[in-house]
Amino acid sequence: MAKAKALADLGDTDLIEQLADHKESLFNLRFQFATGQLEDSAALKAVKKEIARVLTELRAREIADAEALENSNG
């Protein structure tokens, strides 16, 4: 699992790929939970946190880009 500092070092494309991977993992875990096959229910919470970390980093970059554009237009 990636920490916030490690996510900051990744490019946008890598973050989007990680987001897709985590969402697929979450889907699979939810499916296992619904069918009673999930043994580690804490994995659901961990994957949700990873998704939130990636989304937070993407949003921070979006805000920084918007502020840079606003400052350059003066």
Protein backbone atom coordinates (compact mmCIF):
# COMPACT_ATOMS: atom_id res chain seq x y z
CA MET A 1 0.00 0.00 0.00
CA ALA A 2 1.31 3.35 -1.00
CA LYS A 3 1.68 6.20 1.42
CA ALA A 4 0.93 9.81 0.52
CA LYS A 5 4.62 10.65 -0.03
CA ALA A 6 5.02 7.78 -2.48
CA LEU A 7 1.88 8.87 -4.32
CA ALA A 8 3.25 12.39 -4.69
CA ASP A 9 6.23 11.00 -6.58
CA LEU A 10 4.07 9.24 -9.18
CA GLY A 11 2.85 10.75 -12.42
CA ASP A 12 -0.79 11.40 -13.24
CA THR A 13 -1.00 8.35 -15.50
CA ASP A 14 0.39 6.09 -12.80
CA LEU A 15 -2.08 7.46 -10.26
CA ILE A 16 -5.00 6.85 -12.61
CA GLU A 17 -3.79 3.29 -13.20
CA GLN A 18 -3.50 2.71 -9.45
CA LEU A 19 -6.99 4.11 -8.96
CA ALA A 20 -8.37 1.68 -11.53
CA ASP A 21 -6.53 -1.23 -9.89
CA HIS A 22 -7.81 -0.33 -6.43
CA LYS A 23 -11.37 0.06 -7.70
CA GLU A 24 -11.17 -3.37 -9.32
CA SER A 25 -9.85 -4.82 -6.06
CA LEU A 26 -12.69 -3.19 -4.15
CA PHE A 27 -15.22 -4.66 -6.57
CA ASN A 28 -13.74 -8.13 -6.14
CA LEU A 29 -13.67 -7.80 -2.35
CA ARG A 30 -17.28 -6.66 -2.27
CA PHE A 31 -18.25 -9.61 -4.44
CA GLN A 32 -16.44 -11.99 -2.10
CA PHE A 33 -18.11 -10.34 0.89
CA ALA A 34 -21.56 -10.71 -0.65
CA THR A 35 -21.01 -14.38 -1.41
CA GLY A 36 -19.56 -15.11 2.03
CA GLN A 37 -16.08 -15.97 0.74
CA LEU A 38 -14.25 -12.98 2.23
CA GLU A 39 -12.10 -13.98 5.19
CA ASP A 40 -10.43 -10.62 5.87
CA SER A 41 -13.11 -7.94 6.08
CA ALA A 42 -10.47 -5.37 7.04
CA ALA A 43 -9.22 -5.54 3.46
CA LEU A 44 -12.33 -3.62 2.36
CA LYS A 45 -11.45 -0.71 4.62
CA ALA A 46 -7.80 -0.75 3.54
CA VAL A 47 -8.65 -0.62 -0.17
CA LYS A 48 -11.13 2.19 0.42
CA LYS A 49 -8.39 4.16 2.18
CA GLU A 50 -6.02 3.60 -0.73
CA ILE A 51 -8.67 4.86 -3.16
CA ALA A 52 -9.16 7.94 -0.98
CA ARG A 53 -5.40 8.60 -0.90
CA VAL A 54 -5.13 8.44 -4.68
CA LEU A 55 -8.20 10.64 -5.18
CA THR A 56 -6.85 13.16 -2.66
CA GLU A 57 -3.53 13.38 -4.50
CA LEU A 58 -5.26 13.81 -7.87
CA ARG A 59 -7.49 16.55 -6.43
CA ALA A 60 -4.51 18.34 -4.85
CA ARG A 61 -2.79 18.38 -8.23
CA GLU A 62 -5.93 19.66 -9.91
CA ILE A 63 -6.18 22.52 -7.40
CA ALA A 64 -2.49 23.35 -7.77
CA ASP A 65 -2.83 23.48 -11.55
CA ALA A 66 -5.88 25.73 -11.29
CA GLU A 67 -4.08 28.09 -8.92
CA ALA A 68 -1.02 28.20 -11.19
CA LEU A 69 -3.25 29.03 -14.16
CA GLU A 70 -5.05 31.72 -12.18
CA ASN A 71 -1.76 33.27 -11.05
CA SER A 72 -0.34 33.26 -14.57
CA ASN A 73 -3.42 35.07 -15.91
CA GLY A 74 -2.91 37.67 -13.19
